[in-house]
Every structure is written in structure tokens, then in C-alpha cells.
Protein backbone atom coordinates (compact mmCIF):
# COMPACT_ATOMS: atom_id res chain seq x y z
CA MET A 1 -15.62 -2.27 -16.07
CA THR A 2 -18.60 -4.60 -15.97
CA GLN A 3 -20.07 -6.19 -12.89
CA ASN A 4 -18.48 -9.58 -13.62
CA GLN A 5 -14.93 -8.28 -14.09
CA GLN A 6 -12.56 -8.44 -11.17
CA VAL A 7 -9.51 -6.29 -10.61
CA ALA A 8 -6.36 -8.35 -10.10
CA ARG A 9 -4.41 -7.54 -6.96
CA LYS A 10 -1.04 -8.60 -5.66
CA PRO A 11 -0.92 -11.77 -3.55
CA ALA A 12 -1.39 -11.22 0.19
CA THR A 13 -2.98 -7.82 -0.45
CA PRO A 14 -6.29 -7.35 1.35
CA GLY A 15 -9.30 -6.64 -0.80
CA PRO A 16 -11.67 -3.69 -0.47
CA PHE A 17 -13.99 -5.41 2.00
CA SER A 18 -11.10 -6.49 4.23
CA ARG A 19 -9.65 -2.96 4.21
CA TRP A 20 -13.07 -1.53 5.08
CA ILE A 21 -13.41 -3.91 8.06
CA GLN A 22 -9.88 -3.08 9.23
CA ARG A 23 -10.59 0.68 9.11
CA LYS A 24 -13.88 0.27 11.01
CA MET A 25 -12.33 -1.90 13.72
CA ASN A 26 -9.29 0.38 14.11
CA THR A 27 -11.52 3.44 14.38
CA ARG A 28 -13.70 1.73 16.99
CA MET A 29 -10.74 0.62 19.12
CA ASN A 30 -9.04 4.03 18.89
CA ARG A 31 -12.22 5.75 20.02
CA LYS A 32 -12.66 3.39 22.97
CA ILE A 33 -9.04 3.74 24.13
CA ARG A 34 -9.05 7.55 23.81
CA ARG A 35 -12.22 7.74 25.90
CA GLY A 36 -10.56 5.66 28.60
CA ARG A 37 -12.76 2.61 28.05
CA GLY A 38 -10.40 0.58 25.90
CA THR A 39 -9.00 -2.78 26.86
CA PHE A 40 -6.40 -4.95 25.25
CA MET A 41 -6.56 -8.74 25.23
CA GLY A 42 -10.06 -8.82 26.89
CA THR A 43 -9.72 -7.74 30.54
CA VAL A 44 -6.72 -5.48 30.79
CA PRO A 45 -7.46 -1.68 30.79
CA VAL A 46 -4.71 0.23 28.93
CA THR A 47 -3.37 3.73 28.38
CA PRO A 48 -1.89 4.59 24.95
CA HIS A 49 1.48 6.37 24.62
CA ARG A 50 2.79 7.48 21.25
CA LEU A 51 6.50 6.66 20.90
CA ASP A 52 8.96 9.09 19.34
CA GLY A 53 12.67 9.21 18.58
CA ALA A 54 14.88 6.32 19.68
CA ASP A 55 12.01 4.59 21.52
CA ARG A 56 9.95 4.55 18.32
CA GLU A 57 12.85 3.30 16.20
CA GLN A 58 13.61 0.46 18.60
CA ALA A 59 9.97 -0.57 18.76
CA TRP A 60 9.59 -0.25 14.97
CA ARG A 61 12.57 -2.59 14.38
CA ARG A 62 10.94 -5.19 16.65
CA ILE A 63 7.57 -4.78 14.90
CA VAL A 64 9.08 -5.18 11.42
CA ALA A 65 11.15 -8.18 12.55
CA ALA A 66 7.94 -9.87 13.72
CA GLN A 67 5.77 -8.69 10.79
CA PRO A 68 7.89 -7.69 7.76
CA ARG A 69 4.86 -6.54 5.77
CA TYR A 70 4.58 -3.46 8.01
CA GLY A 71 7.98 -2.39 6.70
CA THR A 72 6.64 -2.86 3.18
CA TYR A 73 3.57 -0.75 3.97
CA GLN A 74 5.80 1.96 5.46
CA SER A 75 8.04 2.03 2.39
CA LYS A 76 5.00 2.78 0.20
CA SER A 77 3.84 5.72 2.32
CA ASP A 78 5.01 9.31 2.50
CA ARG A 79 4.19 9.59 6.19
CA GLU A 80 5.76 7.91 9.20
CA TYR A 81 3.43 5.43 10.82
CA PRO A 82 2.82 6.09 14.50
CA VAL A 83 3.89 3.49 17.05
CA ILE A 84 1.68 3.33 20.11
CA ARG A 85 2.68 1.57 23.32
CA LEU A 86 -0.24 0.33 25.41
CA THR A 87 0.54 0.19 29.11
CA PRO A 88 -1.72 -1.30 31.78
CA ARG A 89 -3.52 1.23 33.95
């Protein structure tokens, strides 16, 4: 492939740069929250809780209802995406 050729991608699919930014920002936020310095929505300190079982399923249904593309992402993966509940400290 030459420098001027572009790889076609499906509509609404983030490109390589966008995916790179998303990974960097997610990593940064995860690190901050795990070290106890994370905040959500600016001023609110939070504690993460991974949901399992019925709690996860209920939350996942609400997430997919609000953002159907997450269901699409999940259907393309072999692993189950974690669902994390952030609660104020």
C-alpha cells in the first residue's frame, strides 16, 4: 500500500488515531481511579465497583438501550466486557 492510499472502513467506525486517543484516555482514567485520585464529571470523587451476575446484566441492558453500538462491539468480541459502577465516595 502506498502512502496516498487509504483503507476504507465501515461508516461510524473510528479510525486508528481515534482508537489510539480512546485507549490513552481510558488507560489514564483507569489509573487515576485505581489510585484513588479519580473523579467523574469534574468534582465528584468516585470508587469503582465491577458488576457481576444479574446486576451486570441489568446494567448492560440499560447501557445497550442508551448506546446500541456497545451491543454491536460486544457481539464481535469473544470476551465479556466489564461493567463498572462508579459510586461517590
